[in-house]
Every structure is written in C-alpha cells, then in structure tokens.
N, C-alpha and C. Protein backbone atom coordinates (compact mmCIF):
# COMPACT_ATOMS: atom_id res chain seq x y z
N MET A 1 0.84 -1.19 -0.01
CA MET A 1 0.00 -0.02 0.01
C MET A 1 0.90 1.27 0.01
N GLU A 2 0.61 2.17 -0.93
CA GLU A 2 1.52 3.30 -1.07
C GLU A 2 0.90 4.60 -0.67
N SER A 3 -0.42 4.54 -0.32
CA SER A 3 -1.07 5.78 0.11
C SER A 3 -1.88 5.55 1.37
N THR A 4 -2.21 6.62 2.09
CA THR A 4 -3.02 6.52 3.24
C THR A 4 -4.46 6.36 2.92
N VAL A 5 -5.18 5.42 3.54
CA VAL A 5 -6.60 5.19 3.24
C VAL A 5 -7.40 5.17 4.54
N LYS A 6 -8.67 5.32 4.42
CA LYS A 6 -9.64 5.17 5.55
C LYS A 6 -10.45 3.93 5.24
N GLU A 7 -10.62 3.07 6.27
CA GLU A 7 -11.40 1.89 6.20
C GLU A 7 -12.48 1.85 7.24
N LYS A 8 -13.59 1.17 6.92
CA LYS A 8 -14.66 0.94 7.93
C LYS A 8 -14.73 -0.54 8.30
N VAL A 9 -14.79 -0.80 9.58
CA VAL A 9 -14.93 -2.21 10.03
C VAL A 9 -15.94 -2.20 11.14
N SER A 10 -17.12 -2.79 10.88
CA SER A 10 -18.18 -2.92 11.90
C SER A 10 -18.46 -1.58 12.60
N GLY A 11 -18.57 -0.54 11.82
CA GLY A 11 -18.98 0.78 12.41
C GLY A 11 -17.83 1.65 12.88
N PHE A 12 -16.59 1.11 12.94
CA PHE A 12 -15.47 1.88 13.36
C PHE A 12 -14.62 2.29 12.13
N THR A 13 -14.01 3.46 12.21
CA THR A 13 -13.19 4.00 11.11
C THR A 13 -11.70 3.86 11.48
N PHE A 14 -10.92 3.48 10.49
CA PHE A 14 -9.49 3.26 10.68
C PHE A 14 -8.70 4.00 9.56
N ILE A 15 -7.81 4.86 10.00
CA ILE A 15 -6.75 5.42 9.13
C ILE A 15 -5.65 4.38 9.01
N VAL A 16 -5.30 4.02 7.76
CA VAL A 16 -4.23 3.07 7.55
C VAL A 16 -3.18 3.69 6.67
N ARG A 17 -1.98 3.85 7.23
CA ARG A 17 -0.89 4.50 6.51
C ARG A 17 0.00 3.45 5.85
N PRO A 18 0.79 3.86 4.91
CA PRO A 18 1.74 2.90 4.17
C PRO A 18 2.60 2.20 5.20
N THR A 19 2.85 0.93 4.94
CA THR A 19 3.61 -0.03 5.75
C THR A 19 2.80 -0.65 6.88
N VAL A 20 1.55 -0.19 7.07
CA VAL A 20 0.73 -0.74 8.22
C VAL A 20 -0.25 -1.75 7.61
N PHE A 21 -0.44 -2.84 8.28
CA PHE A 21 -1.36 -3.93 7.97
C PHE A 21 -2.77 -3.34 7.83
N ASN A 22 -3.40 -3.52 6.68
CA ASN A 22 -4.74 -3.03 6.45
C ASN A 22 -5.78 -4.08 6.87
N PRO A 23 -6.64 -3.75 7.85
CA PRO A 23 -7.60 -4.72 8.34
C PRO A 23 -8.65 -5.11 7.31
N LYS A 24 -8.83 -4.31 6.27
CA LYS A 24 -9.82 -4.70 5.23
C LYS A 24 -9.20 -5.59 4.17
N ASP A 25 -7.89 -5.56 4.00
CA ASP A 25 -7.24 -6.37 2.98
C ASP A 25 -7.00 -7.79 3.44
N PHE A 26 -7.02 -8.07 4.70
CA PHE A 26 -6.64 -9.39 5.21
C PHE A 26 -7.75 -9.86 6.18
N LEU A 27 -8.28 -11.02 5.90
CA LEU A 27 -9.43 -11.52 6.64
C LEU A 27 -9.13 -11.70 8.11
N SER A 28 -7.92 -11.95 8.50
CA SER A 28 -7.59 -12.27 9.87
C SER A 28 -8.05 -11.16 10.84
N SER A 29 -7.83 -9.91 10.44
CA SER A 29 -8.15 -8.82 11.35
C SER A 29 -9.64 -8.74 11.66
N GLU A 30 -10.49 -8.91 10.69
CA GLU A 30 -11.93 -8.86 10.91
C GLU A 30 -12.37 -10.10 11.71
N VAL A 31 -11.78 -11.22 11.46
CA VAL A 31 -12.11 -12.43 12.22
C VAL A 31 -11.82 -12.19 13.72
N PHE A 32 -10.67 -11.61 14.00
CA PHE A 32 -10.27 -11.36 15.40
C PHE A 32 -11.17 -10.33 16.02
N ALA A 33 -11.43 -9.22 15.28
CA ALA A 33 -12.26 -8.16 15.78
C ALA A 33 -13.65 -8.63 16.11
N LYS A 34 -14.26 -9.45 15.26
CA LYS A 34 -15.65 -9.88 15.45
C LYS A 34 -15.68 -10.89 16.64
N TYR A 35 -14.63 -11.65 16.82
CA TYR A 35 -14.56 -12.51 18.03
C TYR A 35 -14.52 -11.68 19.23
N ILE A 36 -13.72 -10.63 19.27
CA ILE A 36 -13.57 -9.79 20.46
C ILE A 36 -14.89 -9.07 20.79
N GLN A 37 -15.72 -8.81 19.74
CA GLN A 37 -17.06 -8.21 19.97
C GLN A 37 -17.95 -9.11 20.84
N THR A 38 -17.65 -10.37 20.92
CA THR A 38 -18.50 -11.28 21.69
C THR A 38 -18.06 -11.40 23.15
N LEU A 39 -16.95 -10.71 23.53
CA LEU A 39 -16.41 -10.84 24.85
C LEU A 39 -16.89 -9.77 25.79
N GLU A 40 -16.95 -10.05 27.08
CA GLU A 40 -17.21 -9.03 28.09
C GLU A 40 -15.86 -8.66 28.63
N LEU A 41 -15.38 -7.47 28.42
CA LEU A 41 -14.02 -7.08 28.81
C LEU A 41 -14.05 -5.88 29.79
N ASN A 42 -15.17 -5.58 30.34
CA ASN A 42 -15.28 -4.44 31.23
C ASN A 42 -14.34 -4.63 32.42
N GLY A 43 -13.45 -3.64 32.62
CA GLY A 43 -12.48 -3.74 33.75
C GLY A 43 -11.26 -4.55 33.44
N LYS A 44 -11.17 -5.21 32.29
CA LYS A 44 -9.99 -5.99 31.96
C LYS A 44 -8.85 -5.06 31.42
N THR A 45 -7.61 -5.49 31.68
CA THR A 45 -6.49 -4.83 31.07
C THR A 45 -5.94 -5.75 30.01
N ILE A 46 -5.82 -5.28 28.81
CA ILE A 46 -5.34 -6.04 27.69
C ILE A 46 -4.15 -5.48 27.00
N LEU A 47 -3.30 -6.36 26.48
CA LEU A 47 -2.22 -5.93 25.60
C LEU A 47 -2.47 -6.43 24.21
N ASP A 48 -2.49 -5.56 23.28
CA ASP A 48 -2.67 -5.79 21.85
C ASP A 48 -1.31 -5.80 21.17
N MET A 49 -0.73 -7.00 21.08
CA MET A 49 0.63 -7.12 20.57
C MET A 49 0.60 -7.10 19.05
N GLY A 50 1.55 -6.36 18.42
CA GLY A 50 1.55 -6.29 16.98
C GLY A 50 0.31 -5.61 16.47
N SER A 51 -0.03 -4.48 17.09
CA SER A 51 -1.36 -3.87 16.93
C SER A 51 -1.67 -3.38 15.53
N GLY A 52 -0.65 -2.93 14.76
CA GLY A 52 -1.00 -2.47 13.39
C GLY A 52 -1.78 -1.20 13.42
N SER A 53 -2.96 -1.20 12.86
CA SER A 53 -3.86 -0.03 12.85
C SER A 53 -4.56 0.20 14.14
N GLY A 54 -4.49 -0.76 15.05
CA GLY A 54 -5.12 -0.64 16.35
C GLY A 54 -6.50 -1.33 16.42
N ILE A 55 -6.80 -2.16 15.44
CA ILE A 55 -8.17 -2.72 15.33
C ILE A 55 -8.55 -3.52 16.56
N VAL A 56 -7.67 -4.41 17.06
CA VAL A 56 -7.97 -5.17 18.21
C VAL A 56 -8.24 -4.30 19.45
N SER A 57 -7.38 -3.29 19.64
CA SER A 57 -7.55 -2.38 20.78
C SER A 57 -8.85 -1.62 20.71
N ILE A 58 -9.23 -1.18 19.50
CA ILE A 58 -10.49 -0.46 19.30
C ILE A 58 -11.68 -1.29 19.72
N PHE A 59 -11.66 -2.54 19.25
CA PHE A 59 -12.82 -3.43 19.53
C PHE A 59 -12.78 -3.82 21.04
N ALA A 60 -11.60 -4.05 21.59
CA ALA A 60 -11.52 -4.40 23.04
C ALA A 60 -11.93 -3.22 23.86
N ALA A 61 -11.53 -2.00 23.49
CA ALA A 61 -11.97 -0.80 24.26
C ALA A 61 -13.50 -0.64 24.18
N SER A 62 -14.06 -1.00 23.03
CA SER A 62 -15.53 -0.86 22.86
C SER A 62 -16.31 -1.87 23.77
N ARG A 63 -15.59 -2.83 24.24
CA ARG A 63 -16.12 -3.87 25.16
C ARG A 63 -15.75 -3.55 26.62
N GLY A 64 -15.10 -2.45 26.89
CA GLY A 64 -14.86 -2.01 28.24
C GLY A 64 -13.44 -2.15 28.72
N ALA A 65 -12.51 -2.60 27.85
CA ALA A 65 -11.14 -2.89 28.33
C ALA A 65 -10.28 -1.60 28.31
N LYS A 66 -9.25 -1.64 29.12
CA LYS A 66 -8.14 -0.67 29.07
C LYS A 66 -7.01 -1.32 28.31
N CYS A 67 -6.50 -0.65 27.31
CA CYS A 67 -5.61 -1.36 26.34
C CYS A 67 -4.22 -0.69 26.20
N VAL A 68 -3.24 -1.52 26.07
CA VAL A 68 -1.93 -1.12 25.61
C VAL A 68 -1.78 -1.74 24.20
N ALA A 69 -1.52 -0.90 23.22
CA ALA A 69 -1.35 -1.35 21.83
C ALA A 69 0.13 -1.18 21.48
N ALA A 70 0.82 -2.30 21.23
CA ALA A 70 2.22 -2.33 20.94
C ALA A 70 2.52 -2.75 19.56
N ASP A 71 3.47 -2.01 18.95
CA ASP A 71 3.95 -2.39 17.58
C ASP A 71 5.39 -1.93 17.39
N ILE A 72 6.11 -2.64 16.59
CA ILE A 72 7.52 -2.32 16.35
C ILE A 72 7.64 -1.21 15.27
N ASN A 73 6.53 -1.00 14.52
CA ASN A 73 6.54 -0.05 13.36
C ASN A 73 6.09 1.31 13.88
N PRO A 74 6.94 2.34 13.86
CA PRO A 74 6.54 3.66 14.30
C PRO A 74 5.34 4.25 13.54
N VAL A 75 5.17 3.87 12.28
CA VAL A 75 4.01 4.34 11.55
C VAL A 75 2.74 3.77 12.11
N ALA A 76 2.82 2.50 12.54
CA ALA A 76 1.65 1.87 13.16
C ALA A 76 1.30 2.61 14.47
N ILE A 77 2.26 3.01 15.25
CA ILE A 77 2.03 3.76 16.47
C ILE A 77 1.25 5.01 16.17
N ARG A 78 1.66 5.71 15.10
CA ARG A 78 0.91 6.93 14.72
C ARG A 78 -0.53 6.57 14.36
N CYS A 79 -0.74 5.50 13.62
CA CYS A 79 -2.15 5.06 13.23
C CYS A 79 -2.92 4.69 14.47
N ILE A 80 -2.33 4.03 15.40
CA ILE A 80 -3.05 3.59 16.64
C ILE A 80 -3.57 4.86 17.36
N ARG A 81 -2.70 5.83 17.49
CA ARG A 81 -3.08 7.06 18.21
C ARG A 81 -4.17 7.78 17.43
N GLU A 82 -4.01 7.89 16.12
CA GLU A 82 -5.08 8.58 15.27
C GLU A 82 -6.40 7.81 15.42
N ASN A 83 -6.35 6.49 15.37
CA ASN A 83 -7.60 5.73 15.35
C ASN A 83 -8.26 5.68 16.68
N ALA A 84 -7.44 5.72 17.77
CA ALA A 84 -8.03 5.79 19.09
C ALA A 84 -8.82 7.13 19.25
N ALA A 85 -8.18 8.22 18.81
CA ALA A 85 -8.89 9.52 18.86
C ALA A 85 -10.10 9.60 17.92
N LEU A 86 -9.93 9.05 16.72
CA LEU A 86 -11.03 9.07 15.72
C LEU A 86 -12.23 8.35 16.26
N ASN A 87 -12.01 7.28 16.98
CA ASN A 87 -13.16 6.45 17.49
C ASN A 87 -13.47 6.69 18.96
N HIS A 88 -12.88 7.78 19.49
CA HIS A 88 -13.21 8.27 20.85
C HIS A 88 -12.84 7.29 21.95
N PHE A 89 -11.71 6.65 21.77
CA PHE A 89 -11.15 5.73 22.77
C PHE A 89 -9.79 6.10 23.27
N GLU A 90 -9.41 7.38 23.10
CA GLU A 90 -8.07 7.75 23.45
C GLU A 90 -7.76 7.62 24.99
N SER A 91 -8.80 7.65 25.74
CA SER A 91 -8.58 7.52 27.22
C SER A 91 -8.43 6.02 27.57
N ARG A 92 -8.70 5.12 26.66
CA ARG A 92 -8.62 3.67 26.97
C ARG A 92 -7.53 2.98 26.22
N ILE A 93 -6.83 3.66 25.32
CA ILE A 93 -5.80 3.01 24.53
C ILE A 93 -4.49 3.77 24.64
N GLU A 94 -3.43 3.08 25.03
CA GLU A 94 -2.09 3.69 25.08
C GLU A 94 -1.21 2.96 24.02
N ALA A 95 -0.59 3.69 23.17
CA ALA A 95 0.24 3.16 22.13
C ALA A 95 1.72 3.13 22.53
N VAL A 96 2.40 1.95 22.35
CA VAL A 96 3.76 1.83 22.79
C VAL A 96 4.54 1.24 21.60
N GLU A 97 5.61 1.91 21.16
CA GLU A 97 6.48 1.35 20.15
C GLU A 97 7.37 0.34 20.84
N SER A 98 7.34 -0.90 20.42
CA SER A 98 8.08 -1.96 21.08
C SER A 98 8.31 -3.12 20.16
N ASP A 99 9.49 -3.73 20.28
CA ASP A 99 9.77 -4.99 19.65
C ASP A 99 9.31 -6.08 20.59
N LEU A 100 8.16 -6.65 20.35
CA LEU A 100 7.49 -7.58 21.32
C LEU A 100 7.44 -6.85 22.67
N PHE A 101 8.02 -7.47 23.72
CA PHE A 101 7.82 -6.92 25.09
C PHE A 101 8.97 -5.99 25.56
N ILE A 102 9.91 -5.65 24.67
CA ILE A 102 11.11 -4.95 25.11
C ILE A 102 10.80 -3.65 25.83
N SER A 103 9.80 -2.89 25.33
CA SER A 103 9.51 -1.61 25.95
C SER A 103 8.37 -1.69 26.94
N ILE A 104 7.93 -2.88 27.30
CA ILE A 104 6.81 -3.03 28.25
C ILE A 104 7.36 -3.70 29.49
N LYS A 105 7.48 -3.00 30.58
CA LYS A 105 8.08 -3.43 31.80
C LYS A 105 7.09 -4.17 32.65
N PRO A 106 7.35 -5.47 33.00
CA PRO A 106 6.39 -6.24 33.76
C PRO A 106 6.17 -5.68 35.15
N ALA A 107 7.18 -4.99 35.72
CA ALA A 107 6.98 -4.41 37.03
C ALA A 107 5.93 -3.24 37.03
N GLU A 108 5.70 -2.68 35.84
CA GLU A 108 4.79 -1.53 35.72
C GLU A 108 3.46 -1.97 35.12
N LYS A 109 3.46 -2.92 34.21
CA LYS A 109 2.20 -3.31 33.53
C LYS A 109 2.10 -4.82 33.38
N LYS A 110 0.96 -5.35 33.83
CA LYS A 110 0.63 -6.73 33.62
C LYS A 110 -0.84 -6.80 33.10
N PHE A 111 -1.20 -7.89 32.44
CA PHE A 111 -2.44 -7.92 31.71
C PHE A 111 -3.28 -9.10 32.01
N ASP A 112 -4.58 -8.96 31.86
CA ASP A 112 -5.52 -10.05 31.96
C ASP A 112 -5.48 -10.91 30.68
N ILE A 113 -5.41 -10.23 29.53
CA ILE A 113 -5.37 -10.95 28.23
C ILE A 113 -4.32 -10.25 27.40
N ILE A 114 -3.49 -11.09 26.71
CA ILE A 114 -2.60 -10.57 25.66
C ILE A 114 -3.11 -11.15 24.35
N PHE A 115 -3.58 -10.26 23.50
CA PHE A 115 -4.06 -10.66 22.15
C PHE A 115 -2.84 -10.52 21.17
N PHE A 116 -2.75 -11.51 20.30
CA PHE A 116 -1.69 -11.48 19.27
C PHE A 116 -2.10 -12.22 18.04
N ASN A 117 -2.07 -11.54 16.89
CA ASN A 117 -2.18 -12.25 15.61
C ASN A 117 -0.74 -12.28 15.05
N PRO A 118 -0.05 -13.36 15.38
CA PRO A 118 1.40 -13.34 15.10
C PRO A 118 1.69 -13.52 13.61
N PRO A 119 2.84 -13.09 13.20
CA PRO A 119 3.30 -13.53 11.87
C PRO A 119 3.53 -15.02 11.89
N TYR A 120 3.05 -15.73 10.83
CA TYR A 120 3.20 -17.18 10.88
C TYR A 120 3.82 -17.78 9.69
N TYR A 121 4.45 -17.01 8.84
CA TYR A 121 5.20 -17.53 7.72
C TYR A 121 6.65 -17.47 8.07
N ARG A 122 7.40 -18.45 7.56
CA ARG A 122 8.87 -18.49 7.81
C ARG A 122 9.60 -17.54 6.88
N GLY A 123 10.68 -16.96 7.33
CA GLY A 123 11.49 -16.07 6.51
C GLY A 123 11.79 -14.80 7.25
N ASN A 124 12.87 -14.14 6.81
CA ASN A 124 13.29 -12.88 7.45
C ASN A 124 12.53 -11.72 6.76
N PRO A 125 11.82 -10.87 7.55
CA PRO A 125 11.16 -9.70 6.95
C PRO A 125 12.16 -8.67 6.41
N ARG A 126 11.91 -8.11 5.25
CA ARG A 126 12.80 -7.15 4.63
C ARG A 126 12.44 -5.71 5.05
N ASN A 127 11.25 -5.57 5.60
CA ASN A 127 10.80 -4.19 5.91
C ASN A 127 9.70 -4.32 6.98
N ASN A 128 9.24 -3.17 7.47
CA ASN A 128 8.22 -3.22 8.52
C ASN A 128 6.88 -3.84 8.06
N PHE A 129 6.50 -3.67 6.87
CA PHE A 129 5.27 -4.30 6.38
C PHE A 129 5.38 -5.80 6.45
N GLU A 130 6.51 -6.40 6.04
CA GLU A 130 6.72 -7.85 6.07
C GLU A 130 6.79 -8.42 7.49
N ARG A 131 7.00 -7.57 8.46
CA ARG A 131 7.03 -8.07 9.83
C ARG A 131 5.68 -8.66 10.29
N ALA A 132 4.60 -8.17 9.58
CA ALA A 132 3.30 -8.68 9.94
C ALA A 132 3.10 -10.13 9.45
N PHE A 133 3.94 -10.60 8.57
CA PHE A 133 3.81 -11.92 7.96
C PHE A 133 4.88 -12.88 8.28
N LYS A 134 6.16 -12.38 8.37
CA LYS A 134 7.30 -13.30 8.47
C LYS A 134 7.83 -13.26 9.87
N ALA A 135 8.01 -14.45 10.44
CA ALA A 135 8.37 -14.55 11.87
C ALA A 135 9.81 -15.10 12.04
N GLY A 136 10.62 -15.06 10.98
CA GLY A 136 11.95 -15.58 11.05
C GLY A 136 12.00 -16.98 10.42
N PRO A 137 13.21 -17.44 10.08
CA PRO A 137 13.41 -18.71 9.46
C PRO A 137 12.82 -19.93 10.27
N ASN A 138 12.84 -19.81 11.57
CA ASN A 138 12.30 -20.86 12.45
C ASN A 138 11.19 -20.31 13.32
N LEU A 139 10.43 -19.27 12.85
CA LEU A 139 9.37 -18.67 13.58
C LEU A 139 9.82 -18.20 14.97
N GLU A 140 11.02 -17.59 14.92
CA GLU A 140 11.62 -17.06 16.15
C GLU A 140 10.72 -16.04 16.87
N VAL A 141 10.00 -15.23 16.15
CA VAL A 141 9.13 -14.21 16.75
C VAL A 141 8.09 -14.86 17.65
N ILE A 142 7.52 -16.00 17.21
CA ILE A 142 6.49 -16.68 18.01
C ILE A 142 7.14 -17.26 19.25
N ASP A 143 8.33 -17.90 19.13
CA ASP A 143 9.02 -18.44 20.26
C ASP A 143 9.38 -17.37 21.29
N ARG A 144 9.90 -16.21 20.84
CA ARG A 144 10.22 -15.13 21.73
C ARG A 144 8.99 -14.61 22.45
N PHE A 145 7.87 -14.49 21.72
CA PHE A 145 6.59 -14.03 22.32
C PHE A 145 6.18 -15.02 23.46
N LEU A 146 6.18 -16.28 23.14
CA LEU A 146 5.74 -17.26 24.13
C LEU A 146 6.64 -17.27 25.32
N ALA A 147 7.94 -17.17 25.16
CA ALA A 147 8.88 -17.23 26.21
C ALA A 147 8.79 -16.05 27.15
N ASP A 148 8.50 -14.83 26.57
CA ASP A 148 8.50 -13.61 27.36
C ASP A 148 7.13 -13.21 27.91
N SER A 149 6.12 -13.89 27.41
CA SER A 149 4.76 -13.44 27.75
C SER A 149 4.35 -13.72 29.25
N LYS A 150 4.91 -14.80 29.78
CA LYS A 150 4.45 -15.22 31.11
C LYS A 150 4.56 -14.14 32.19
N GLU A 151 5.67 -13.45 32.19
CA GLU A 151 5.90 -12.47 33.21
C GLU A 151 5.02 -11.17 33.07
N HIS A 152 4.31 -11.18 31.93
CA HIS A 152 3.44 -9.99 31.69
C HIS A 152 1.97 -10.29 31.90
N LEU A 153 1.66 -11.47 32.42
CA LEU A 153 0.27 -11.81 32.70
C LEU A 153 -0.06 -11.68 34.15
N LEU A 154 -1.24 -11.14 34.46
CA LEU A 154 -1.76 -11.15 35.83
C LEU A 154 -2.11 -12.57 36.25
N PRO A 155 -2.25 -12.81 37.52
CA PRO A 155 -2.72 -14.17 37.94
C PRO A 155 -4.03 -14.52 37.26
N GLY A 156 -4.09 -15.70 36.68
CA GLY A 156 -5.28 -16.10 35.95
C GLY A 156 -5.35 -15.53 34.54
N GLY A 157 -4.32 -14.82 34.15
CA GLY A 157 -4.32 -14.24 32.79
C GLY A 157 -4.11 -15.26 31.69
N GLU A 158 -4.29 -14.82 30.48
CA GLU A 158 -4.26 -15.73 29.34
C GLU A 158 -3.76 -15.03 28.11
N LEU A 159 -3.24 -15.85 27.17
CA LEU A 159 -2.96 -15.43 25.79
C LEU A 159 -4.15 -15.73 24.96
N CYS A 160 -4.41 -14.91 23.94
CA CYS A 160 -5.46 -15.13 22.97
C CYS A 160 -4.83 -14.91 21.59
N LEU A 161 -4.57 -15.99 20.87
CA LEU A 161 -3.87 -15.93 19.62
C LEU A 161 -4.80 -16.19 18.46
N LEU A 162 -4.63 -15.42 17.38
CA LEU A 162 -5.31 -15.72 16.16
C LEU A 162 -4.29 -16.26 15.15
N VAL A 163 -4.53 -17.49 14.68
CA VAL A 163 -3.57 -18.16 13.77
C VAL A 163 -4.36 -18.80 12.61
N SER A 164 -3.62 -19.22 11.60
CA SER A 164 -4.17 -19.69 10.34
C SER A 164 -3.75 -21.13 10.09
N SER A 165 -4.60 -21.85 9.38
CA SER A 165 -4.26 -23.21 8.91
C SER A 165 -3.11 -23.20 7.87
N ASP A 166 -2.74 -21.95 7.40
CA ASP A 166 -1.60 -21.88 6.52
C ASP A 166 -0.28 -22.29 7.20
N MET A 167 -0.28 -22.25 8.54
CA MET A 167 0.88 -22.71 9.25
C MET A 167 0.68 -24.16 9.73
N ASP A 168 1.77 -24.73 10.22
CA ASP A 168 1.76 -26.11 10.71
C ASP A 168 1.17 -26.01 12.18
N MET A 169 -0.11 -26.36 12.35
CA MET A 169 -0.78 -26.19 13.61
C MET A 169 -0.16 -27.12 14.72
N ASP A 170 0.17 -28.33 14.34
CA ASP A 170 0.78 -29.24 15.33
C ASP A 170 2.13 -28.66 15.83
N ASP A 171 2.87 -28.07 14.92
CA ASP A 171 4.13 -27.42 15.36
C ASP A 171 3.84 -26.31 16.33
N LEU A 172 2.80 -25.49 16.03
CA LEU A 172 2.50 -24.39 16.90
C LEU A 172 2.09 -24.92 18.29
N TYR A 173 1.30 -25.98 18.34
CA TYR A 173 0.86 -26.54 19.64
C TYR A 173 2.08 -27.04 20.43
N ARG A 174 3.06 -27.62 19.70
CA ARG A 174 4.29 -28.05 20.45
C ARG A 174 5.01 -26.88 21.01
N ARG A 175 5.05 -25.76 20.29
CA ARG A 175 5.74 -24.55 20.80
C ARG A 175 5.03 -24.02 21.98
N ILE A 176 3.70 -23.98 21.94
CA ILE A 176 2.91 -23.48 23.06
C ILE A 176 3.17 -24.34 24.27
N ALA A 177 3.13 -25.62 24.13
CA ALA A 177 3.34 -26.54 25.28
C ALA A 177 4.79 -26.43 25.79
N GLY A 178 5.74 -26.26 24.87
CA GLY A 178 7.14 -26.18 25.27
C GLY A 178 7.40 -24.92 26.06
N ALA A 179 6.57 -23.89 25.84
CA ALA A 179 6.73 -22.65 26.60
C ALA A 179 5.98 -22.73 27.97
N GLY A 180 5.34 -23.84 28.25
CA GLY A 180 4.72 -24.00 29.57
C GLY A 180 3.23 -23.60 29.60
N TYR A 181 2.60 -23.63 28.47
CA TYR A 181 1.19 -23.26 28.38
C TYR A 181 0.28 -24.46 28.00
N ALA A 182 -0.90 -24.49 28.52
CA ALA A 182 -1.95 -25.39 27.94
C ALA A 182 -2.81 -24.57 27.04
N HIS A 183 -3.35 -25.18 25.97
CA HIS A 183 -4.13 -24.41 25.02
C HIS A 183 -5.48 -25.10 24.68
N LYS A 184 -6.33 -24.31 24.17
CA LYS A 184 -7.59 -24.86 23.62
C LYS A 184 -8.10 -23.91 22.53
N ILE A 185 -8.83 -24.42 21.56
CA ILE A 185 -9.41 -23.63 20.49
C ILE A 185 -10.74 -23.05 20.99
N LEU A 186 -10.80 -21.73 20.97
CA LEU A 186 -12.03 -21.02 21.44
C LEU A 186 -13.05 -20.80 20.31
N HIS A 187 -12.48 -20.67 19.07
CA HIS A 187 -13.31 -20.28 17.98
C HIS A 187 -12.60 -20.56 16.67
N TYR A 188 -13.32 -20.95 15.63
CA TYR A 188 -12.67 -21.01 14.33
C TYR A 188 -13.58 -20.47 13.28
N ASN A 189 -12.99 -19.99 12.18
CA ASN A 189 -13.70 -19.38 11.09
C ASN A 189 -13.13 -19.90 9.76
N LYS A 190 -13.94 -20.67 9.07
CA LYS A 190 -13.49 -21.42 7.89
C LYS A 190 -13.79 -20.59 6.63
N HIS A 191 -12.76 -20.43 5.81
CA HIS A 191 -12.89 -19.81 4.49
C HIS A 191 -12.49 -20.74 3.43
N ALA A 192 -12.61 -20.31 2.18
CA ALA A 192 -12.34 -21.24 1.06
C ALA A 192 -10.90 -21.81 1.08
N LEU A 193 -9.95 -20.95 1.36
CA LEU A 193 -8.57 -21.37 1.26
C LEU A 193 -7.84 -21.55 2.56
N GLU A 194 -8.40 -21.04 3.67
CA GLU A 194 -7.80 -21.22 4.99
C GLU A 194 -8.83 -21.12 6.09
N THR A 195 -8.43 -21.66 7.25
CA THR A 195 -9.30 -21.55 8.44
C THR A 195 -8.53 -20.79 9.48
N PHE A 196 -9.20 -19.86 10.14
CA PHE A 196 -8.59 -19.07 11.21
C PHE A 196 -9.06 -19.69 12.54
N TYR A 197 -8.09 -19.71 13.47
CA TYR A 197 -8.39 -20.27 14.80
C TYR A 197 -8.07 -19.23 15.84
N VAL A 198 -8.96 -19.05 16.86
CA VAL A 198 -8.65 -18.28 18.02
C VAL A 198 -8.26 -19.26 19.10
N ILE A 199 -7.08 -19.16 19.64
CA ILE A 199 -6.50 -20.10 20.58
C ILE A 199 -6.24 -19.42 21.91
N GLN A 200 -6.75 -20.02 22.98
CA GLN A 200 -6.44 -19.55 24.31
C GLN A 200 -5.31 -20.38 24.86
N ALA A 201 -4.33 -19.69 25.47
CA ALA A 201 -3.21 -20.39 26.14
C ALA A 201 -3.13 -19.88 27.56
N VAL A 202 -3.05 -20.82 28.54
CA VAL A 202 -2.94 -20.44 29.96
C VAL A 202 -1.71 -21.13 30.50
N ILE A 203 -1.15 -20.50 31.56
CA ILE A 203 0.06 -21.09 32.15
C ILE A 203 -0.24 -22.38 32.87
N LEU A 204 0.51 -23.40 32.62
CA LEU A 204 0.33 -24.73 33.34
C LEU A 204 0.66 -24.57 34.82
C-alpha cells in the first residue's frame, strides 16, 4: 500500500498508513475483531501485541477494556493514536512502540489478556510491512513471544492468539506446550482457502 486510506470495520473507522497492515485487505483482522465483539471485557487490562492499525484495541476498548497497543513499526504507532482519537477511545488506549515486550516493563504493567495475531510464515522480513507476515526462518518471533509473555500476565491471565491453517498447527501446539502453556481452540472461522483459529493459552 503506497497511500493513506480510511477503512470501515463494523462501524469503526481506521486510518491506515503505508507499511501498516490493512484490516480490510486481510481476513484475519476482521475475524479477530468480530470474535472480540463477543467478549465481556469491562475492567480488563489487555495488551494488543503487533497492533498495526489498532483494530484489536479499538474493539476491546468498545467492550470495556483498558488497552496497551504495541507495535515495532513507528508508523503503526501513529495510526493507533489517530484511530483511538477518531473512534473516541483515546482514554482507553495507550500506544507503545516496542519489539514484542522490550518496551513493556512487567513491574509496571501486567495484563488479563494478551491478544496477538502473530506472523506465521517463515522467513526474514525485509521491511516493517513484512514483519506482519514473516516470523523468522524458524518462527523465532513466535518463540520469543511465548517465552517472554508469562511475566506480563496477571494471575489467571491468558494469551489469545489468532492463527491460520496456513501454518503447521501441530508445530504451533508443540511450541505453546514447550513454553509452559496449555491451549484450547475457542473459535474457528473457515474460509475457502484457509481456516482461522482463536486459541487460548494459559500457564500450566
């Protein structure tokens, strides 16, 4: 995408700038957002990891959550702030530029739910846009996320991951278990070429 666009998703408006994942171009964002619309999040603190345009935070805030939206891409951080203001959730959404958890200190912030639609293709990203898709030659981004996430959860907290049948699901489940989590599928959404899964992971 080479120009800034405005998109509508379920009544909310999103400014999407170049290099930022467009929630209308990729089914995964809307699948995740519509699932979040079914949740009661009043009083919950959530981390929206790899936030992009801020769609998960916007929908979580609309359900009552206080949100931290984190992304490694500084252009995404600009979008998150613009979209929080545009949709009147600026008091509920804080944007943080961060490579996964690096800028999020567990002594200061812990969360009831960490949402993440991780990159799930193998390969090294060449730019910020490709970071949304490529997680390293051996999916190192997913492993780093799983390893570091535990210290950022409140007691009873959980991970909520959106992933695709385009990846090796059994391999993902092994990684989740290896990081000390139990998992279950909360929701799935089947499309012609792939199926999206919402997976809950809790500390064993």
